[in-house]
PDB file of all heavy atoms in Angstrom:
ATOM      1  N   VAL A   1       9.972 -20.118  13.842  1.00  0.00           N
ATOM      2  CA  VAL A   1      10.063 -18.655  14.385  1.00  0.00           C
ATOM      3  C   VAL A   1       8.927 -17.844  13.943  1.00  0.00           C
ATOM      4  O   VAL A   1       8.551 -17.855  12.735  1.00  0.00           O
ATOM      5  CB  VAL A   1      11.422 -17.990  13.928  1.00  0.00           C
ATOM      6  CG1 VAL A   1      11.457 -16.618  14.216  1.00  0.00           C
ATOM      7  CG2 VAL A   1      12.490 -18.889  14.566  1.00  0.00           C
ATOM      8  N   GLN A   2       8.315 -16.997  14.808  1.00  0.00           N
ATOM      9  CA  GLN A   2       7.116 -16.178  14.512  1.00  0.00           C
ATOM     10  C   GLN A   2       7.548 -14.751  14.947  1.00  0.00           C
ATOM     11  O   GLN A   2       8.076 -14.727  16.124  1.00  0.00           O
ATOM     12  CB  GLN A   2       5.893 -16.693  15.063  1.00  0.00           C
ATOM     13  CG  GLN A   2       5.386 -17.996  14.663  1.00  0.00           C
ATOM     14  CD  GLN A   2       4.962 -18.090  13.299  1.00  0.00           C
ATOM     15  OE1 GLN A   2       4.507 -17.097  12.747  1.00  0.00           O
ATOM     16  NE2 GLN A   2       5.062 -19.217  12.698  1.00  0.00           N
ATOM     17  N   LEU A   3       7.275 -13.661  14.132  1.00  0.00           N
ATOM     18  CA  LEU A   3       7.576 -12.336  14.570  1.00  0.00           C
ATOM     19  C   LEU A   3       6.242 -11.510  14.498  1.00  0.00           C
ATOM     20  O   LEU A   3       5.560 -11.730  13.417  1.00  0.00           O
ATOM     21  CB  LEU A   3       8.633 -11.767  13.537  1.00  0.00           C
ATOM     22  CG  LEU A   3       9.918 -12.417  13.491  1.00  0.00           C
ATOM     23  CD1 LEU A   3      10.826 -11.774  12.434  1.00  0.00           C
ATOM     24  CD2 LEU A   3      10.624 -12.487  14.858  1.00  0.00           C
ATOM     25  N   VAL A   4       5.860 -10.836  15.465  1.00  0.00           N
ATOM     26  CA  VAL A   4       4.576 -10.119  15.507  1.00  0.00           C
ATOM     27  C   VAL A   4       4.881  -8.701  15.999  1.00  0.00           C
ATOM     28  O   VAL A   4       5.323  -8.524  17.160  1.00  0.00           O
ATOM     29  CB  VAL A   4       3.688 -10.712  16.470  1.00  0.00           C
ATOM     30  CG1 VAL A   4       2.280  -9.914  16.446  1.00  0.00           C
ATOM     31  CG2 VAL A   4       3.376 -12.244  15.976  1.00  0.00           C
ATOM     32  N   GLU A   5       4.692  -7.704  15.100  1.00  0.00           N
ATOM     33  CA  GLU A   5       4.782  -6.312  15.412  1.00  0.00           C
ATOM     34  C   GLU A   5       3.658  -5.599  16.178  1.00  0.00           C
ATOM     35  O   GLU A   5       2.489  -6.064  15.937  1.00  0.00           O
ATOM     36  CB  GLU A   5       5.173  -5.518  14.111  1.00  0.00           C
ATOM     37  CG  GLU A   5       6.423  -5.984  13.373  1.00  0.00           C
ATOM     38  CD  GLU A   5       5.959  -6.856  12.160  1.00  0.00           C
ATOM     39  OE1 GLU A   5       4.875  -7.521  12.281  1.00  0.00           O
ATOM     40  OE2 GLU A   5       6.643  -6.882  11.078  1.00  0.00           O
ATOM     41  N   SER A   6       3.856  -4.603  16.870  1.00  0.00           N
ATOM     42  CA  SER A   6       3.007  -3.735  17.500  1.00  0.00           C
ATOM     43  C   SER A   6       3.505  -2.457  17.703  1.00  0.00           C
ATOM     44  O   SER A   6       4.675  -2.153  17.546  1.00  0.00           O
ATOM     45  CB  SER A   6       2.362  -4.472  18.804  1.00  0.00           C
ATOM     46  OG  SER A   6       3.484  -4.377  19.758  1.00  0.00           O
ATOM     47  N   GLY A   7       2.593  -1.502  18.033  1.00  0.00           N
ATOM     48  CA  GLY A   7       2.990  -0.017  18.283  1.00  0.00           C
ATOM     49  C   GLY A   7       2.793   0.854  17.134  1.00  0.00           C
ATOM     50  O   GLY A   7       3.202   2.121  17.340  1.00  0.00           O
ATOM     51  N   GLY A   8       2.497   0.472  16.075  1.00  0.00           N
ATOM     52  CA  GLY A   8       2.265   1.441  14.919  1.00  0.00           C
ATOM     53  C   GLY A   8       1.071   2.245  15.048  1.00  0.00           C
ATOM     54  O   GLY A   8       0.233   2.057  15.872  1.00  0.00           O
ATOM     55  N   GLY A   9       0.938   3.353  14.333  1.00  0.00           N
ATOM     56  CA  GLY A   9      -0.074   4.352  14.422  1.00  0.00           C
ATOM     57  C   GLY A   9       0.188   5.597  13.645  1.00  0.00           C
ATOM     58  O   GLY A   9       1.141   5.753  12.890  1.00  0.00           O
ATOM     59  N   ARG A  10      -0.537   6.574  14.031  1.00  0.00           N
ATOM     60  CA  ARG A  10      -0.416   7.937  13.446  1.00  0.00           C
ATOM     61  C   ARG A  10       0.264   8.862  14.488  1.00  0.00           C
ATOM     62  O   ARG A  10      -0.183   8.830  15.617  1.00  0.00           O
ATOM     63  CB  ARG A  10      -1.678   8.509  13.017  1.00  0.00           C
ATOM     64  CG  ARG A  10      -1.582   9.884  12.405  1.00  0.00           C
ATOM     65  CD  ARG A  10      -3.067  10.367  11.869  1.00  0.00           C
ATOM     66  NE  ARG A  10      -3.443   9.521  10.796  1.00  0.00           N
ATOM     67  CZ  ARG A  10      -3.225   9.851   9.506  1.00  0.00           C
ATOM     68  NH1 ARG A  10      -2.583  10.925   9.173  1.00  0.00           N
ATOM     69  NH2 ARG A  10      -3.703   9.030   8.484  1.00  0.00           N
ATOM     70  N   VAL A  11       1.266   9.614  14.081  1.00  0.00           N
ATOM     71  CA  VAL A  11       1.940  10.577  15.002  1.00  0.00           C
ATOM     72  C   VAL A  11       2.148  11.908  14.225  1.00  0.00           C
ATOM     73  O   VAL A  11       2.413  11.971  12.944  1.00  0.00           O
ATOM     74  CB  VAL A  11       3.274   9.999  15.487  1.00  0.00           C
ATOM     75  CG1 VAL A  11       4.275   9.699  14.281  1.00  0.00           C
ATOM     76  CG2 VAL A  11       3.816  10.889  16.538  1.00  0.00           C
ATOM     77  N   GLN A  12       2.217  12.876  14.982  1.00  0.00           N
ATOM     78  CA  GLN A  12       2.528  14.252  14.340  1.00  0.00           C
ATOM     79  C   GLN A  12       4.005  14.389  14.038  1.00  0.00           C
ATOM     80  O   GLN A  12       4.826  13.854  14.705  1.00  0.00           O
ATOM     81  CB  GLN A  12       2.133  15.340  15.377  1.00  0.00           C
ATOM     82  CG  GLN A  12       2.218  16.717  14.855  1.00  0.00           C
ATOM     83  CD  GLN A  12       1.825  17.828  15.910  1.00  0.00           C
ATOM     84  OE1 GLN A  12       1.464  17.507  17.045  1.00  0.00           O
ATOM     85  NE2 GLN A  12       1.904  19.097  15.554  1.00  0.00           N
ATOM     86  N   ARG A  13       4.312  15.254  13.067  1.00  0.00           N
ATOM     87  CA  ARG A  13       5.710  15.597  12.684  1.00  0.00           C
ATOM     88  C   ARG A  13       6.534  15.943  13.847  1.00  0.00           C
ATOM     89  O   ARG A  13       5.907  16.804  14.708  1.00  0.00           O
ATOM     90  CB  ARG A  13       5.724  16.572  11.518  1.00  0.00           C
ATOM     91  CG  ARG A  13       7.079  17.063  11.155  1.00  0.00           C
ATOM     92  CD  ARG A  13       6.995  18.236  10.237  1.00  0.00           C
ATOM     93  NE  ARG A  13       6.385  19.420  10.860  1.00  0.00           N
ATOM     94  CZ  ARG A  13       6.939  20.192  11.729  1.00  0.00           C
ATOM     95  NH1 ARG A  13       8.180  20.020  12.163  1.00  0.00           N
ATOM     96  NH2 ARG A  13       6.143  21.168  12.274  1.00  0.00           N
ATOM     97  N   GLY A  14       7.723  15.460  14.130  1.00  0.00           N
ATOM     98  CA  GLY A  14       8.505  15.781  15.180  1.00  0.00           C
ATOM     99  C   GLY A  14       8.281  14.967  16.414  1.00  0.00           C
ATOM    100  O   GLY A  14       8.981  15.081  17.345  1.00  0.00           O
ATOM    101  N   GLY A  15       7.325  14.111  16.376  1.00  0.00           N
ATOM    102  CA  GLY A  15       7.003  13.170  17.514  1.00  0.00           C
ATOM    103  C   GLY A  15       7.804  12.111  17.549  1.00  0.00           C
ATOM    104  O   GLY A  15       8.707  11.758  16.659  1.00  0.00           O
ATOM    105  N   SER A  16       7.543  11.125  18.642  1.00  0.00           N
ATOM    106  CA  SER A  16       8.318   9.833  18.805  1.00  0.00           C
ATOM    107  C   SER A  16       7.335   8.769  18.777  1.00  0.00           C
ATOM    108  O   SER A  16       6.223   8.774  19.198  1.00  0.00           O
ATOM    109  CB  SER A  16       9.158   9.962  19.996  1.00  0.00           C
ATOM    110  OG  SER A  16      10.165  10.984  20.035  1.00  0.00           O
ATOM    111  N   LEU A  17       7.856   7.501  18.558  1.00  0.00           N
ATOM    112  CA  LEU A  17       7.094   6.340  18.451  1.00  0.00           C
ATOM    113  C   LEU A  17       8.127   5.183  18.617  1.00  0.00           C
ATOM    114  O   LEU A  17       9.197   5.179  18.122  1.00  0.00           O
ATOM    115  CB  LEU A  17       6.322   6.159  17.289  1.00  0.00           C
ATOM    116  CG  LEU A  17       5.079   5.171  17.214  1.00  0.00           C
ATOM    117  CD1 LEU A  17       4.030   5.654  18.190  1.00  0.00           C
ATOM    118  CD2 LEU A  17       4.591   5.141  15.743  1.00  0.00           C
ATOM    119  N   THR A  18       7.594   4.187  19.385  1.00  0.00           N
ATOM    120  CA  THR A  18       8.302   2.960  19.537  1.00  0.00           C
ATOM    121  C   THR A  18       7.529   1.727  19.006  1.00  0.00           C
ATOM    122  O   THR A  18       6.400   1.507  19.516  1.00  0.00           O
ATOM    123  CB  THR A  18       8.812   2.670  21.028  1.00  0.00           C
ATOM    124  OG1 THR A  18       9.632   3.752  21.409  1.00  0.00           O
ATOM    125  CG2 THR A  18       9.510   1.359  21.127  1.00  0.00           C
ATOM    126  N   LEU A  19       8.198   1.014  18.229  1.00  0.00           N
ATOM    127  CA  LEU A  19       7.657  -0.225  17.617  1.00  0.00           C
ATOM    128  C   LEU A  19       8.146  -1.469  18.393  1.00  0.00           C
ATOM    129  O   LEU A  19       9.371  -1.490  18.650  1.00  0.00           O
ATOM    130  CB  LEU A  19       7.810  -0.415  16.058  1.00  0.00           C
ATOM    131  CG  LEU A  19       7.372   0.795  15.237  1.00  0.00           C
ATOM    132  CD1 LEU A  19       7.706   0.470  13.775  1.00  0.00           C
ATOM    133  CD2 LEU A  19       5.920   0.990  15.451  1.00  0.00           C
ATOM    134  N   SER A  20       7.406  -2.426  18.670  1.00  0.00           N
ATOM    135  CA  SER A  20       7.844  -3.624  19.267  1.00  0.00           C
ATOM    136  C   SER A  20       7.554  -4.877  18.524  1.00  0.00           C
ATOM    137  O   SER A  20       6.598  -4.944  17.725  1.00  0.00           O
ATOM    138  CB  SER A  20       7.262  -3.780  20.651  1.00  0.00           C
ATOM    139  OG  SER A  20       7.598  -2.701  21.481  1.00  0.00           O
ATOM    140  N   CYS A  21       8.434  -5.823  18.561  1.00  0.00           N
ATOM    141  CA  CYS A  21       8.381  -7.142  17.833  1.00  0.00           C
ATOM    142  C   CYS A  21       8.556  -8.248  18.797  1.00  0.00           C
ATOM    143  O   CYS A  21       9.615  -8.342  19.415  1.00  0.00           O
ATOM    144  CB  CYS A  21       9.373  -7.221  16.725  1.00  0.00           C
ATOM    145  SG  CYS A  21       9.518  -8.738  15.752  1.00  0.00           S
ATOM    146  N   SER A  22       7.435  -9.019  18.881  1.00  0.00           N
ATOM    147  CA  SER A  22       7.512 -10.172  19.770  1.00  0.00           C
ATOM    148  C   SER A  22       7.950 -11.368  19.017  1.00  0.00           C
ATOM    149  O   SER A  22       7.489 -11.612  17.950  1.00  0.00           O
ATOM    150  CB  SER A  22       6.146 -10.396  20.371  1.00  0.00           C
ATOM    151  OG  SER A  22       6.125 -11.663  21.211  1.00  0.00           O
ATOM    152  N   VAL A  23       8.960 -12.077  19.591  1.00  0.00           N
ATOM    153  CA  VAL A  23       9.500 -13.252  18.845  1.00  0.00           C
ATOM    154  C   VAL A  23       9.216 -14.532  19.604  1.00  0.00           C
ATOM    155  O   VAL A  23       9.417 -14.609  20.824  1.00  0.00           O
ATOM    156  CB  VAL A  23      11.164 -13.087  18.936  1.00  0.00           C
ATOM    157  CG1 VAL A  23      11.787 -14.220  18.224  1.00  0.00           C
ATOM    158  CG2 VAL A  23      11.567 -11.863  18.225  1.00  0.00           C
ATOM    159  N   SER A  24       8.756 -15.516  18.934  1.00  0.00           N
ATOM    160  CA  SER A  24       8.442 -16.784  19.449  1.00  0.00           C
ATOM    161  C   SER A  24       9.299 -17.828  18.679  1.00  0.00           C
ATOM    162  O   SER A  24       9.553 -17.550  17.497  1.00  0.00           O
ATOM    163  CB  SER A  24       6.961 -17.138  19.399  1.00  0.00           C
ATOM    164  OG  SER A  24       6.527 -17.157  18.047  1.00  0.00           O
ATOM    165  N   GLY A  25       9.551 -19.022  19.261  1.00  0.00           N
ATOM    166  CA  GLY A  25      10.432 -19.898  18.645  1.00  0.00           C
ATOM    167  C   GLY A  25      11.836 -19.570  18.789  1.00  0.00           C
ATOM    168  O   GLY A  25      12.220 -18.535  19.348  1.00  0.00           O
ATOM    169  N   SER A  26      12.682 -20.408  18.299  1.00  0.00           N
ATOM    170  CA  SER A  26      14.190 -20.228  18.315  1.00  0.00           C
ATOM    171  C   SER A  26      14.876 -20.734  17.257  1.00  0.00           C
ATOM    172  O   SER A  26      14.298 -21.505  16.322  1.00  0.00           O
ATOM    173  CB  SER A  26      14.733 -20.844  19.627  1.00  0.00           C
ATOM    174  OG  SER A  26      14.504 -22.265  19.510  1.00  0.00           O
ATOM    175  N   LEU A  27      16.116 -20.211  16.957  1.00  0.00           N
ATOM    176  CA  LEU A  27      16.982 -20.538  15.936  1.00  0.00           C
ATOM    177  C   LEU A  27      18.297 -21.099  16.474  1.00  0.00           C
ATOM    178  O   LEU A  27      18.717 -20.754  17.595  1.00  0.00           O
ATOM    179  CB  LEU A  27      17.241 -19.509  14.984  1.00  0.00           C
ATOM    180  CG  LEU A  27      16.082 -18.931  14.176  1.00  0.00           C
ATOM    181  CD1 LEU A  27      16.417 -17.491  13.613  1.00  0.00           C
ATOM    182  CD2 LEU A  27      15.710 -19.791  13.147  1.00  0.00           C
ATOM    183  N   PHE A  28      18.998 -22.000  15.710  1.00  0.00           N
ATOM    184  CA  PHE A  28      20.304 -22.357  16.123  1.00  0.00           C
ATOM    185  C   PHE A  28      21.325 -21.277  16.157  1.00  0.00           C
ATOM    186  O   PHE A  28      22.082 -21.224  17.176  1.00  0.00           O
ATOM    187  CB  PHE A  28      20.766 -23.517  15.208  1.00  0.00           C
ATOM    188  CG  PHE A  28      22.178 -24.079  15.446  1.00  0.00           C
ATOM    189  CD1 PHE A  28      22.441 -24.790  16.576  1.00  0.00           C
ATOM    190  CD2 PHE A  28      23.190 -23.605  14.767  1.00  0.00           C
ATOM    191  CE1 PHE A  28      23.693 -25.279  16.856  1.00  0.00           C
ATOM    192  CE2 PHE A  28      24.454 -23.986  15.008  1.00  0.00           C
ATOM    193  CZ  PHE A  28      24.748 -24.973  16.024  1.00  0.00           C
ATOM    194  N   TYR A  29      21.167 -20.357  15.261  1.00  0.00           N
ATOM    195  CA  TYR A  29      22.106 -19.228  15.220  1.00  0.00           C
ATOM    196  C   TYR A  29      21.305 -18.141  14.569  1.00  0.00           C
ATOM    197  O   TYR A  29      20.558 -18.218  13.505  1.00  0.00           O
ATOM    198  CB  TYR A  29      23.292 -19.578  14.263  1.00  0.00           C
ATOM    199  CG  TYR A  29      24.146 -18.413  13.927  1.00  0.00           C
ATOM    200  CD1 TYR A  29      25.029 -17.891  14.960  1.00  0.00           C
ATOM    201  CD2 TYR A  29      24.164 -17.817  12.730  1.00  0.00           C
ATOM    202  CE1 TYR A  29      25.816 -16.827  14.648  1.00  0.00           C
ATOM    203  CE2 TYR A  29      25.086 -16.721  12.341  1.00  0.00           C
ATOM    204  CZ  TYR A  29      25.795 -16.285  13.448  1.00  0.00           C
ATOM    205  OH  TYR A  29      26.618 -15.157  13.236  1.00  0.00           O
ATOM    206  N   VAL A  30      21.520 -16.906  15.300  1.00  0.00           N
ATOM    207  CA  VAL A  30      20.850 -15.657  14.672  1.00  0.00           C
ATOM    208  C   VAL A  30      21.954 -14.717  14.181  1.00  0.00           C
ATOM    209  O   VAL A  30      23.002 -14.483  14.829  1.00  0.00           O
ATOM    210  CB  VAL A  30      20.231 -14.984  15.878  1.00  0.00           C
ATOM    211  CG1 VAL A  30      19.564 -13.605  15.361  1.00  0.00           C
ATOM    212  CG2 VAL A  30      19.074 -15.795  16.340  1.00  0.00           C
TER     213      VAL A  30
END
């Protein structure tokens, strides 16, 4: 299993931001 984040950065107070994590591979149970 590999996890890779994206979407980070600098934002002004009161703003919004969405982070994403791409998942590769699989598990028998999560």
